[in-house]
PDB file of all heavy atoms in Angstrom:
ATOM      1  N   VAL A   1       0.853  -1.183   0.000  1.00  0.00           N
ATOM      2  CA  VAL A   1       0.000   0.000   0.000  1.00  0.00           C
ATOM      3  C   VAL A   1       0.896   1.242   0.000  1.00  0.00           C
ATOM      4  O   VAL A   1       1.808   1.361   0.818  1.00  0.00           O
ATOM      5  CB  VAL A   1      -0.926   0.030   1.237  1.00  0.00           C
ATOM      6  CG1 VAL A   1      -1.777   1.293   1.243  1.00  0.00           C
ATOM      7  CG2 VAL A   1      -1.807  -1.213   1.263  1.00  0.00           C
ATOM      8  N   THR A   2       0.644   2.137  -0.945  1.00  0.00           N
ATOM      9  CA  THR A   2       1.366   3.411  -0.988  1.00  0.00           C
ATOM     10  C   THR A   2       0.439   4.483  -0.428  1.00  0.00           C
ATOM     11  O   THR A   2      -0.689   4.648  -0.900  1.00  0.00           O
ATOM     12  CB  THR A   2       1.796   3.768  -2.415  1.00  0.00           C
ATOM     13  OG1 THR A   2       2.582   2.697  -2.930  1.00  0.00           O
ATOM     14  CG2 THR A   2       2.605   5.053  -2.433  1.00  0.00           C
ATOM     15  N   MET A   3       0.934   5.171   0.592  1.00  0.00           N
ATOM     16  CA  MET A   3       0.166   6.234   1.229  1.00  0.00           C
ATOM     17  C   MET A   3       0.729   7.576   0.776  1.00  0.00           C
ATOM     18  O   MET A   3       1.958   7.768   0.751  1.00  0.00           O
ATOM     19  CB  MET A   3       0.244   6.099   2.745  1.00  0.00           C
ATOM     20  CG  MET A   3      -0.385   4.808   3.231  1.00  0.00           C
ATOM     21  SD  MET A   3       0.279   4.252   4.799  1.00  0.00           S
ATOM     22  CE  MET A   3       1.984   4.000   4.420  1.00  0.00           C
ATOM     23  N   TYR A   4      -0.162   8.489   0.419  1.00  0.00           N
ATOM     24  CA  TYR A   4       0.226   9.822  -0.043  1.00  0.00           C
ATOM     25  C   TYR A   4      -0.290  10.862   0.945  1.00  0.00           C
ATOM     26  O   TYR A   4      -1.441  10.810   1.378  1.00  0.00           O
ATOM     27  CB  TYR A   4      -0.365  10.113  -1.431  1.00  0.00           C
ATOM     28  CG  TYR A   4       0.125   9.163  -2.488  1.00  0.00           C
ATOM     29  CD1 TYR A   4      -0.643   8.072  -2.867  1.00  0.00           C
ATOM     30  CD2 TYR A   4       1.361   9.354  -3.091  1.00  0.00           C
ATOM     31  CE1 TYR A   4      -0.191   7.201  -3.842  1.00  0.00           C
ATOM     32  CE2 TYR A   4       1.818   8.477  -4.063  1.00  0.00           C
ATOM     33  CZ  TYR A   4       1.030   7.410  -4.440  1.00  0.00           C
ATOM     34  OH  TYR A   4       1.473   6.538  -5.399  1.00  0.00           O
ATOM     35  N   ASP A   5       0.565  11.806   1.275  1.00  0.00           N
ATOM     36  CA  ASP A   5       0.221  12.920   2.155  1.00  0.00           C
ATOM     37  C   ASP A   5       0.488  14.194   1.362  1.00  0.00           C
ATOM     38  O   ASP A   5       1.627  14.508   1.032  1.00  0.00           O
ATOM     39  CB  ASP A   5       1.082  12.860   3.421  1.00  0.00           C
ATOM     40  CG  ASP A   5       0.616  13.794   4.507  1.00  0.00           C
ATOM     41  OD1 ASP A   5      -0.530  14.282   4.430  1.00  0.00           O
ATOM     42  OD2 ASP A   5       1.412  14.053   5.426  1.00  0.00           O
ATOM     43  N   HIS A   6      -0.576  14.907   1.010  1.00  0.00           N
ATOM     44  CA  HIS A   6      -0.514  16.041   0.095  1.00  0.00           C
ATOM     45  C   HIS A   6      -0.940  17.305   0.831  1.00  0.00           C
ATOM     46  O   HIS A   6      -2.031  17.356   1.390  1.00  0.00           O
ATOM     47  CB  HIS A   6      -1.460  15.740  -1.080  1.00  0.00           C
ATOM     48  CG  HIS A   6      -1.552  16.808  -2.101  1.00  0.00           C
ATOM     49  ND1 HIS A   6      -2.734  17.223  -2.609  1.00  0.00           N
ATOM     50  CD2 HIS A   6      -0.609  17.549  -2.714  1.00  0.00           C
ATOM     51  CE1 HIS A   6      -2.535  18.172  -3.501  1.00  0.00           C
ATOM     52  NE2 HIS A   6      -1.245  18.384  -3.572  1.00  0.00           N
ATOM     53  N   HIS A   7      -0.071  18.326   0.820  1.00  0.00           N
ATOM     54  CA  HIS A   7      -0.371  19.615   1.448  1.00  0.00           C
ATOM     55  C   HIS A   7      -0.234  20.702   0.392  1.00  0.00           C
ATOM     56  O   HIS A   7       0.761  20.726  -0.348  1.00  0.00           O
ATOM     57  CB  HIS A   7       0.609  19.907   2.592  1.00  0.00           C
ATOM     58  CG  HIS A   7       0.578  18.877   3.663  1.00  0.00           C
ATOM     59  ND1 HIS A   7      -0.261  18.980   4.748  1.00  0.00           N
ATOM     60  CD2 HIS A   7       1.252  17.722   3.806  1.00  0.00           C
ATOM     61  CE1 HIS A   7      -0.080  17.926   5.521  1.00  0.00           C
ATOM     62  NE2 HIS A   7       0.827  17.140   4.971  1.00  0.00           N
ATOM     63  N   SER A   8      -1.224  21.585   0.323  1.00  0.00           N
ATOM     64  CA  SER A   8      -1.133  22.651  -0.667  1.00  0.00           C
ATOM     65  C   SER A   8      -1.743  23.944  -0.136  1.00  0.00           C
ATOM     66  O   SER A   8      -2.600  23.938   0.747  1.00  0.00           O
ATOM     67  CB  SER A   8      -1.827  22.252  -1.970  1.00  0.00           C
ATOM     68  OG  SER A   8      -3.221  22.118  -1.777  1.00  0.00           O
ATOM     69  N   ILE A   9      -1.253  25.031  -0.695  1.00  0.00           N
ATOM     70  CA  ILE A   9      -1.820  26.355  -0.480  1.00  0.00           C
ATOM     71  C   ILE A   9      -1.838  27.019  -1.846  1.00  0.00           C
ATOM     72  O   ILE A   9      -0.891  26.883  -2.621  1.00  0.00           O
ATOM     73  CB  ILE A   9      -0.999  27.186   0.538  1.00  0.00           C
ATOM     74  CG1 ILE A   9      -1.620  28.591   0.731  1.00  0.00           C
ATOM     75  CG2 ILE A   9       0.462  27.276   0.145  1.00  0.00           C
ATOM     76  CD1 ILE A   9      -0.960  29.408   1.845  1.00  0.00           C
ATOM     77  N   GLY A  10      -2.923  27.680  -2.151  1.00  0.00           N
ATOM     78  CA  GLY A  10      -3.009  28.361  -3.439  1.00  0.00           C
ATOM     79  C   GLY A  10      -4.109  29.397  -3.425  1.00  0.00           C
ATOM     80  O   GLY A  10      -5.049  29.311  -2.636  1.00  0.00           O
ATOM     81  N   GLY A  11      -3.944  30.396  -4.278  1.00  0.00           N
ATOM     82  CA  GLY A  11      -4.966  31.427  -4.373  1.00  0.00           C
ATOM     83  C   GLY A  11      -4.473  32.633  -5.152  1.00  0.00           C
ATOM     84  O   GLY A  11      -3.431  32.593  -5.806  1.00  0.00           O
ATOM     85  N   ARG A  12      -5.221  33.710  -5.048  1.00  0.00           N
ATOM     86  CA  ARG A  12      -4.915  34.912  -5.819  1.00  0.00           C
ATOM     87  C   ARG A  12      -4.427  36.033  -4.902  1.00  0.00           C
ATOM     88  O   ARG A  12      -4.706  36.047  -3.709  1.00  0.00           O
ATOM     89  CB  ARG A  12      -6.138  35.368  -6.605  1.00  0.00           C
ATOM     90  CG  ARG A  12      -7.233  35.959  -5.742  1.00  0.00           C
ATOM     91  CD  ARG A  12      -8.431  36.424  -6.592  1.00  0.00           C
ATOM     92  NE  ARG A  12      -9.427  37.063  -5.770  1.00  0.00           N
ATOM     93  CZ  ARG A  12     -10.351  36.450  -5.059  1.00  0.00           C
ATOM     94  NH1 ARG A  12     -10.419  35.136  -5.066  1.00  0.00           N
ATOM     95  NH2 ARG A  12     -11.211  37.129  -4.343  1.00  0.00           N
ATOM     96  N   TYR A  13      -3.738  36.958  -5.515  1.00  0.00           N
ATOM     97  CA  TYR A  13      -3.307  38.166  -4.819  1.00  0.00           C
ATOM     98  C   TYR A  13      -4.194  39.324  -5.258  1.00  0.00           C
ATOM     99  O   TYR A  13      -4.424  39.521  -6.453  1.00  0.00           O
ATOM    100  CB  TYR A  13      -1.839  38.473  -5.122  1.00  0.00           C
ATOM    101  CG  TYR A  13      -0.899  37.563  -4.382  1.00  0.00           C
ATOM    102  CD1 TYR A  13      -0.519  36.342  -4.924  1.00  0.00           C
ATOM    103  CD2 TYR A  13      -0.412  37.907  -3.133  1.00  0.00           C
ATOM    104  CE1 TYR A  13       0.328  35.490  -4.237  1.00  0.00           C
ATOM    105  CE2 TYR A  13       0.439  37.056  -2.436  1.00  0.00           C
ATOM    106  CZ  TYR A  13       0.804  35.855  -2.994  1.00  0.00           C
ATOM    107  OH  TYR A  13       1.643  35.012  -2.315  1.00  0.00           O
ATOM    108  N   GLU A  14      -4.687  40.061  -4.285  1.00  0.00           N
ATOM    109  CA  GLU A  14      -5.516  41.227  -4.562  1.00  0.00           C
ATOM    110  C   GLU A  14      -4.627  42.410  -4.948  1.00  0.00           C
ATOM    111  O   GLU A  14      -3.406  42.377  -4.765  1.00  0.00           O
ATOM    112  CB  GLU A  14      -6.354  41.578  -3.327  1.00  0.00           C
ATOM    113  CG  GLU A  14      -7.283  40.469  -2.862  1.00  0.00           C
ATOM    114  CD  GLU A  14      -8.412  40.167  -3.837  1.00  0.00           C
ATOM    115  OE1 GLU A  14      -8.686  40.985  -4.741  1.00  0.00           O
ATOM    116  OE2 GLU A  14      -9.027  39.100  -3.704  1.00  0.00           O
ATOM    117  N   ASP A  15      -5.238  43.473  -5.461  1.00  0.00           N
ATOM    118  CA  ASP A  15      -4.484  44.658  -5.862  1.00  0.00           C
ATOM    119  C   ASP A  15      -3.700  45.273  -4.709  1.00  0.00           C
ATOM    120  O   ASP A  15      -2.652  45.881  -4.922  1.00  0.00           O
ATOM    121  CB  ASP A  15      -5.420  45.714  -6.474  1.00  0.00           C
ATOM    122  CG  ASP A  15      -5.928  45.294  -7.853  1.00  0.00           C
ATOM    123  OD1 ASP A  15      -5.252  44.472  -8.511  1.00  0.00           O
ATOM    124  OD2 ASP A  15      -6.994  45.791  -8.262  1.00  0.00           O
ATOM    125  N   ASP A  16      -4.201  45.099  -3.484  1.00  0.00           N
ATOM    126  CA  ASP A  16      -3.497  45.655  -2.322  1.00  0.00           C
ATOM    127  C   ASP A  16      -2.374  44.735  -1.821  1.00  0.00           C
ATOM    128  O   ASP A  16      -1.719  45.017  -0.826  1.00  0.00           O
ATOM    129  CB  ASP A  16      -4.468  45.960  -1.185  1.00  0.00           C
ATOM    130  CG  ASP A  16      -5.131  44.715  -0.599  1.00  0.00           C
ATOM    131  OD1 ASP A  16      -4.836  43.584  -1.046  1.00  0.00           O
ATOM    132  OD2 ASP A  16      -5.953  44.870   0.326  1.00  0.00           O
ATOM    133  N   GLY A  17      -2.154  43.601  -2.525  1.00  0.00           N
ATOM    134  CA  GLY A  17      -1.092  42.676  -2.156  1.00  0.00           C
ATOM    135  C   GLY A  17      -1.525  41.578  -1.203  1.00  0.00           C
ATOM    136  O   GLY A  17      -0.750  40.659  -0.917  1.00  0.00           O
ATOM    137  N   SER A  18      -2.748  41.641  -0.697  1.00  0.00           N
ATOM    138  CA  SER A  18      -3.214  40.600   0.225  1.00  0.00           C
ATOM    139  C   SER A  18      -3.490  39.306  -0.546  1.00  0.00           C
ATOM    140  O   SER A  18      -3.763  39.317  -1.746  1.00  0.00           O
ATOM    141  CB  SER A  18      -4.463  41.058   0.975  1.00  0.00           C
ATOM    142  OG  SER A  18      -5.531  41.291   0.067  1.00  0.00           O
ATOM    143  N   PHE A  19      -3.398  38.201   0.165  1.00  0.00           N
ATOM    144  CA  PHE A  19      -3.573  36.874  -0.431  1.00  0.00           C
ATOM    145  C   PHE A  19      -4.936  36.321  -0.064  1.00  0.00           C
ATOM    146  O   PHE A  19      -5.344  36.357   1.102  1.00  0.00           O
ATOM    147  CB  PHE A  19      -2.469  35.937   0.078  1.00  0.00           C
ATOM    148  CG  PHE A  19      -2.584  34.538  -0.442  1.00  0.00           C
ATOM    149  CD1 PHE A  19      -2.236  34.242  -1.743  1.00  0.00           C
ATOM    150  CD2 PHE A  19      -3.036  33.518   0.376  1.00  0.00           C
ATOM    151  CE1 PHE A  19      -2.337  32.944  -2.232  1.00  0.00           C
ATOM    152  CE2 PHE A  19      -3.134  32.217  -0.097  1.00  0.00           C
ATOM    153  CZ  PHE A  19      -2.788  31.943  -1.408  1.00  0.00           C
ATOM    154  N   ARG A  20      -5.647  35.798  -1.039  1.00  0.00           N
ATOM    155  CA  ARG A  20      -6.946  35.153  -0.831  1.00  0.00           C
ATOM    156  C   ARG A  20      -6.839  33.733  -1.360  1.00  0.00           C
ATOM    157  O   ARG A  20      -6.767  33.519  -2.562  1.00  0.00           O
ATOM    158  CB  ARG A  20      -8.056  35.888  -1.585  1.00  0.00           C
ATOM    159  CG  ARG A  20      -8.225  37.325  -1.192  1.00  0.00           C
ATOM    160  CD  ARG A  20      -8.882  37.441   0.179  1.00  0.00           C
ATOM    161  NE  ARG A  20      -9.013  38.825   0.569  1.00  0.00           N
ATOM    162  CZ  ARG A  20      -8.286  39.430   1.492  1.00  0.00           C
ATOM    163  NH1 ARG A  20      -7.362  38.769   2.142  1.00  0.00           N
ATOM    164  NH2 ARG A  20      -8.463  40.682   1.788  1.00  0.00           N
ATOM    165  N   GLY A  21      -6.793  32.765  -0.444  1.00  0.00           N
ATOM    166  CA  GLY A  21      -6.612  31.400  -0.901  1.00  0.00           C
ATOM    167  C   GLY A  21      -7.085  30.368   0.099  1.00  0.00           C
ATOM    168  O   GLY A  21      -7.728  30.689   1.101  1.00  0.00           O
ATOM    169  N   THR A  22      -6.722  29.140  -0.183  1.00  0.00           N
ATOM    170  CA  THR A  22      -7.136  27.997   0.626  1.00  0.00           C
ATOM    171  C   THR A  22      -5.969  27.032   0.770  1.00  0.00           C
ATOM    172  O   THR A  22      -5.168  26.876  -0.144  1.00  0.00           O
ATOM    173  CB  THR A  22      -8.310  27.256  -0.060  1.00  0.00           C
ATOM    174  OG1 THR A  22      -9.368  28.180  -0.274  1.00  0.00           O
ATOM    175  CG2 THR A  22      -8.812  26.093   0.781  1.00  0.00           C
ATOM    176  N   CYS A  23      -5.897  26.407   1.930  1.00  0.00           N
ATOM    177  CA  CYS A  23      -4.973  25.300   2.159  1.00  0.00           C
ATOM    178  C   CYS A  23      -5.773  24.004   2.092  1.00  0.00           C
ATOM    179  O   CYS A  23      -6.931  23.965   2.481  1.00  0.00           O
ATOM    180  CB  CYS A  23      -4.330  25.401   3.545  1.00  0.00           C
ATOM    181  SG  CYS A  23      -3.175  26.753   3.721  1.00  0.00           S
ATOM    182  N   TRP A  24      -5.133  22.968   1.596  1.00  0.00           N
ATOM    183  CA  TRP A  24      -5.741  21.639   1.562  1.00  0.00           C
ATOM    184  C   TRP A  24      -4.761  20.633   2.145  1.00  0.00           C
ATOM    185  O   TRP A  24      -3.562  20.694   1.866  1.00  0.00           O
ATOM    186  CB  TRP A  24      -6.061  21.213   0.125  1.00  0.00           C
ATOM    187  CG  TRP A  24      -7.259  21.882  -0.447  1.00  0.00           C
ATOM    188  CD1 TRP A  24      -7.301  23.068  -1.124  1.00  0.00           C
ATOM    189  CD2 TRP A  24      -8.603  21.414  -0.374  1.00  0.00           C
ATOM    190  NE1 TRP A  24      -8.592  23.355  -1.486  1.00  0.00           N
ATOM    191  CE2 TRP A  24      -9.409  22.357  -1.038  1.00  0.00           C
ATOM    192  CE3 TRP A  24      -9.203  20.282   0.178  1.00  0.00           C
ATOM    193  CZ2 TRP A  24     -10.784  22.206  -1.164  1.00  0.00           C
ATOM    194  CZ3 TRP A  24     -10.569  20.133   0.049  1.00  0.00           C
ATOM    195  CH2 TRP A  24     -11.348  21.088  -0.619  1.00  0.00           C
ATOM    196  N   THR A  25      -5.287  19.728   2.929  1.00  0.00           N
ATOM    197  CA  THR A  25      -4.532  18.577   3.414  1.00  0.00           C
ATOM    198  C   THR A  25      -5.308  17.347   2.964  1.00  0.00           C
ATOM    199  O   THR A  25      -6.481  17.188   3.305  1.00  0.00           O
ATOM    200  CB  THR A  25      -4.394  18.587   4.950  1.00  0.00           C
ATOM    201  OG1 THR A  25      -3.737  19.795   5.326  1.00  0.00           O
ATOM    202  CG2 THR A  25      -3.606  17.402   5.435  1.00  0.00           C
ATOM    203  N   THR A  26      -4.637  16.506   2.179  1.00  0.00           N
ATOM    204  CA  THR A  26      -5.303  15.331   1.617  1.00  0.00           C
ATOM    205  C   THR A  26      -4.444  14.102   1.848  1.00  0.00           C
ATOM    206  O   THR A  26      -3.237  14.135   1.612  1.00  0.00           O
ATOM    207  CB  THR A  26      -5.546  15.517   0.105  1.00  0.00           C
ATOM    208  OG1 THR A  26      -6.325  16.694  -0.102  1.00  0.00           O
ATOM    209  CG2 THR A  26      -6.249  14.318  -0.501  1.00  0.00           C
ATOM    210  N   GLN A  27      -5.064  13.042   2.331  1.00  0.00           N
ATOM    211  CA  GLN A  27      -4.395  11.751   2.460  1.00  0.00           C
ATOM    212  C   GLN A  27      -5.108  10.774   1.529  1.00  0.00           C
ATOM    213  O   GLN A  27      -6.338  10.773   1.455  1.00  0.00           O
ATOM    214  CB  GLN A  27      -4.458  11.205   3.898  1.00  0.00           C
ATOM    215  CG  GLN A  27      -3.516  11.890   4.867  1.00  0.00           C
ATOM    216  CD  GLN A  27      -4.092  13.172   5.417  1.00  0.00           C
ATOM    217  OE1 GLN A  27      -5.298  13.294   5.603  1.00  0.00           O
ATOM    218  NE2 GLN A  27      -3.239  14.143   5.674  1.00  0.00           N
ATOM    219  N   SER A  28      -4.311   9.982   0.829  1.00  0.00           N
ATOM    220  CA  SER A  28      -4.886   8.961  -0.044  1.00  0.00           C
ATOM    221  C   SER A  28      -4.003   7.723  -0.010  1.00  0.00           C
ATOM    222  O   SER A  28      -2.867   7.764   0.463  1.00  0.00           O
ATOM    223  CB  SER A  28      -5.037   9.492  -1.478  1.00  0.00           C
ATOM    224  OG  SER A  28      -3.785   9.891  -1.996  1.00  0.00           O
TER     225      SER A  28
END
């Protein structure tokens, strides 16, 4: 059995430089 642990953060930057995004933690 191969177990995968996946962590990500992604999103957009607003005109004022702030970040709007989401983190995901996924195990499969």
